[in-house]
Amino acid sequence: MSDDTFNMSLRKFLKTVGVTSQQEIEAAVRKAQDAGTLPAGPLRARAEISIEGIGMRHLIEGVIDVSGDAA
């Protein structure tokens, strides 16, 4: 296994995960806002990354603030 090849492939995968996830979250929040169903408080979020073949599973949990207030 080439470290350079592995690192480039991993970075490309993670970039795709980040970009597509952000787009999907933004679209879902806009849709909920337009429908009047967006909760007033923060949104709890969860993402899982798994890799078949090596049995890896990584769970990420966090909160997304949709209040519109700058931090």
N, C-alpha and C. Protein backbone atom coordinates (compact mmCIF):
# COMPACT_ATOMS: atom_id res chain seq x y z
N MET A 1 0.85 -1.18 0.00
CA MET A 1 0.00 0.00 0.00
C MET A 1 0.89 1.24 0.00
N SER A 2 0.63 2.14 -0.93
CA SER A 2 1.37 3.40 -0.99
C SER A 2 0.68 4.41 -0.08
N ASP A 3 1.45 4.99 0.84
CA ASP A 3 0.89 6.00 1.74
C ASP A 3 0.33 7.19 0.97
N ASP A 4 1.02 7.62 -0.08
CA ASP A 4 0.56 8.76 -0.87
C ASP A 4 -0.77 8.46 -1.55
N THR A 5 -0.87 7.30 -2.16
CA THR A 5 -2.10 6.90 -2.83
C THR A 5 -3.24 6.79 -1.83
N PHE A 6 -2.97 6.15 -0.70
CA PHE A 6 -3.97 5.99 0.36
C PHE A 6 -4.45 7.35 0.85
N ASN A 7 -3.52 8.24 1.18
CA ASN A 7 -3.89 9.55 1.72
C ASN A 7 -4.70 10.37 0.71
N MET A 8 -4.32 10.35 -0.56
CA MET A 8 -5.06 11.09 -1.58
C MET A 8 -6.47 10.52 -1.75
N SER A 9 -6.58 9.21 -1.75
CA SER A 9 -7.88 8.56 -1.90
C SER A 9 -8.77 8.86 -0.69
N LEU A 10 -8.20 8.80 0.49
CA LEU A 10 -8.94 9.09 1.72
C LEU A 10 -9.41 10.54 1.74
N ARG A 11 -8.54 11.46 1.40
CA ARG A 11 -8.91 12.88 1.37
C ARG A 11 -10.02 13.15 0.36
N LYS A 12 -9.94 12.50 -0.80
CA LYS A 12 -10.98 12.66 -1.82
C LYS A 12 -12.32 12.15 -1.30
N PHE A 13 -12.31 10.99 -0.65
CA PHE A 13 -13.54 10.45 -0.07
C PHE A 13 -14.11 11.39 0.98
N LEU A 14 -13.27 11.86 1.90
CA LEU A 14 -13.75 12.74 2.97
C LEU A 14 -14.24 14.08 2.44
N LYS A 15 -13.61 14.59 1.39
CA LYS A 15 -14.09 15.83 0.78
C LYS A 15 -15.48 15.61 0.19
N THR A 16 -15.68 14.49 -0.48
CA THR A 16 -17.00 14.18 -1.04
C THR A 16 -18.04 14.05 0.07
N VAL A 17 -17.67 13.38 1.16
CA VAL A 17 -18.59 13.24 2.30
C VAL A 17 -18.97 14.61 2.83
N GLY A 18 -17.98 15.47 3.03
CA GLY A 18 -18.24 16.80 3.59
C GLY A 18 -19.10 17.67 2.70
N VAL A 19 -18.76 17.73 1.42
CA VAL A 19 -19.47 18.60 0.49
C VAL A 19 -20.90 18.11 0.28
N THR A 20 -21.06 16.82 0.00
CA THR A 20 -22.42 16.32 -0.26
C THR A 20 -23.28 16.36 0.99
N SER A 21 -22.70 16.08 2.14
CA SER A 21 -23.46 16.14 3.39
C SER A 21 -23.93 17.56 3.68
N GLN A 22 -23.06 18.54 3.48
CA GLN A 22 -23.46 19.93 3.70
C GLN A 22 -24.59 20.33 2.77
N GLN A 23 -24.50 19.95 1.51
CA GLN A 23 -25.56 20.28 0.55
C GLN A 23 -26.89 19.65 0.94
N GLU A 24 -26.86 18.40 1.35
CA GLU A 24 -28.09 17.70 1.75
C GLU A 24 -28.70 18.31 3.01
N ILE A 25 -27.85 18.65 3.98
CA ILE A 25 -28.35 19.26 5.22
C ILE A 25 -28.95 20.63 4.93
N GLU A 26 -28.26 21.45 4.14
CA GLU A 26 -28.78 22.77 3.79
C GLU A 26 -30.14 22.66 3.08
N ALA A 27 -30.27 21.73 2.15
CA ALA A 27 -31.52 21.55 1.42
C ALA A 27 -32.64 21.10 2.36
N ALA A 28 -32.33 20.18 3.27
CA ALA A 28 -33.35 19.69 4.21
C ALA A 28 -33.80 20.79 5.17
N VAL A 29 -32.85 21.60 5.65
CA VAL A 29 -33.20 22.70 6.56
C VAL A 29 -34.05 23.74 5.83
N ARG A 30 -33.67 24.08 4.59
CA ARG A 30 -34.48 25.03 3.80
C ARG A 30 -35.90 24.50 3.57
N LYS A 31 -36.00 23.23 3.24
CA LYS A 31 -37.31 22.61 3.00
C LYS A 31 -38.18 22.67 4.26
N ALA A 32 -37.60 22.33 5.40
CA ALA A 32 -38.32 22.39 6.67
C ALA A 32 -38.72 23.83 7.01
N GLN A 33 -37.81 24.76 6.73
CA GLN A 33 -38.10 26.17 7.00
C GLN A 33 -39.25 26.64 6.11
N ASP A 34 -39.22 26.30 4.84
CA ASP A 34 -40.29 26.69 3.90
C ASP A 34 -41.63 26.07 4.28
N ALA A 35 -41.58 24.85 4.82
CA ALA A 35 -42.80 24.16 5.22
C ALA A 35 -43.29 24.59 6.60
N GLY A 36 -42.49 25.38 7.29
CA GLY A 36 -42.86 25.83 8.63
C GLY A 36 -42.69 24.74 9.69
N THR A 37 -41.86 23.74 9.40
CA THR A 37 -41.66 22.64 10.35
C THR A 37 -40.27 22.61 10.97
N LEU A 38 -39.49 23.66 10.75
CA LEU A 38 -38.15 23.72 11.32
C LEU A 38 -38.25 24.00 12.81
N PRO A 39 -37.71 23.11 13.66
CA PRO A 39 -37.77 23.35 15.10
C PRO A 39 -37.04 24.63 15.50
N ALA A 40 -37.47 25.22 16.59
CA ALA A 40 -36.89 26.48 17.05
C ALA A 40 -35.48 26.29 17.61
N GLY A 41 -35.21 25.16 18.18
CA GLY A 41 -33.91 24.93 18.83
C GLY A 41 -32.91 24.31 17.90
N PRO A 42 -31.76 23.96 18.46
CA PRO A 42 -30.72 23.32 17.65
C PRO A 42 -31.15 21.93 17.19
N LEU A 43 -30.54 21.48 16.11
CA LEU A 43 -30.84 20.16 15.56
C LEU A 43 -29.74 19.18 15.96
N ARG A 44 -30.13 18.04 16.49
CA ARG A 44 -29.16 16.99 16.81
C ARG A 44 -28.85 16.24 15.53
N ALA A 45 -27.60 16.03 15.26
CA ALA A 45 -27.19 15.35 14.03
C ALA A 45 -26.31 14.14 14.36
N ARG A 46 -26.40 13.15 13.48
CA ARG A 46 -25.59 11.94 13.64
C ARG A 46 -25.16 11.47 12.26
N ALA A 47 -23.91 11.09 12.15
CA ALA A 47 -23.38 10.53 10.91
C ALA A 47 -22.56 9.29 11.24
N GLU A 48 -22.61 8.35 10.34
CA GLU A 48 -21.83 7.14 10.53
C GLU A 48 -21.00 6.89 9.27
N ILE A 49 -19.75 6.57 9.49
CA ILE A 49 -18.88 6.14 8.40
C ILE A 49 -18.48 4.71 8.72
N SER A 50 -18.67 3.84 7.76
CA SER A 50 -18.25 2.46 7.94
C SER A 50 -17.45 2.01 6.72
N ILE A 51 -16.54 1.10 6.96
CA ILE A 51 -15.74 0.56 5.88
C ILE A 51 -15.85 -0.96 5.91
N GLU A 52 -16.52 -1.47 4.89
CA GLU A 52 -16.64 -2.92 4.77
C GLU A 52 -15.27 -3.51 4.52
N GLY A 53 -15.07 -4.70 4.93
CA GLY A 53 -13.80 -5.38 4.68
C GLY A 53 -12.83 -5.29 5.84
N ILE A 54 -12.93 -4.20 6.63
CA ILE A 54 -12.04 -4.09 7.80
C ILE A 54 -12.84 -3.92 9.09
N GLY A 55 -14.17 -3.92 8.96
CA GLY A 55 -15.02 -3.87 10.14
C GLY A 55 -14.97 -2.55 10.89
N MET A 56 -14.67 -1.45 10.20
CA MET A 56 -14.61 -0.16 10.85
C MET A 56 -15.98 0.51 10.86
N ARG A 57 -16.34 1.06 11.99
CA ARG A 57 -17.57 1.84 12.12
C ARG A 57 -17.26 3.02 13.03
N HIS A 58 -17.55 4.23 12.54
CA HIS A 58 -17.27 5.44 13.31
C HIS A 58 -18.53 6.29 13.34
N LEU A 59 -18.99 6.61 14.53
CA LEU A 59 -20.21 7.40 14.72
C LEU A 59 -19.84 8.80 15.19
N ILE A 60 -20.39 9.81 14.52
CA ILE A 60 -20.15 11.20 14.88
C ILE A 60 -21.49 11.81 15.25
N GLU A 61 -21.56 12.46 16.39
CA GLU A 61 -22.78 13.13 16.82
C GLU A 61 -22.46 14.59 17.12
N GLY A 62 -23.43 15.44 16.86
CA GLY A 62 -23.23 16.85 17.14
C GLY A 62 -24.54 17.61 17.08
N VAL A 63 -24.41 18.91 17.15
CA VAL A 63 -25.57 19.80 17.16
C VAL A 63 -25.37 20.85 16.08
N ILE A 64 -26.43 21.12 15.33
CA ILE A 64 -26.39 22.15 14.31
C ILE A 64 -27.32 23.28 14.75
N ASP A 65 -26.76 24.47 14.90
CA ASP A 65 -27.52 25.64 15.34
C ASP A 65 -28.20 26.27 14.12
N VAL A 66 -29.51 26.32 14.15
CA VAL A 66 -30.27 26.92 13.05
C VAL A 66 -30.96 28.20 13.49
N SER A 67 -30.48 28.78 14.62
CA SER A 67 -31.14 29.97 15.16
C SER A 67 -30.88 31.21 14.34
N GLY A 68 -29.78 31.21 13.58
CA GLY A 68 -29.45 32.39 12.80
C GLY A 68 -28.62 33.41 13.57
N ASP A 69 -28.40 33.15 14.87
CA ASP A 69 -27.58 34.06 15.68
C ASP A 69 -26.11 33.79 15.42
N ALA A 70 -25.33 34.81 15.18
CA ALA A 70 -23.89 34.64 15.00
C ALA A 70 -23.25 34.29 16.33
N ALA A 71 -22.30 33.38 16.30
CA ALA A 71 -21.63 32.96 17.54
C ALA A 71 -20.51 33.91 17.90
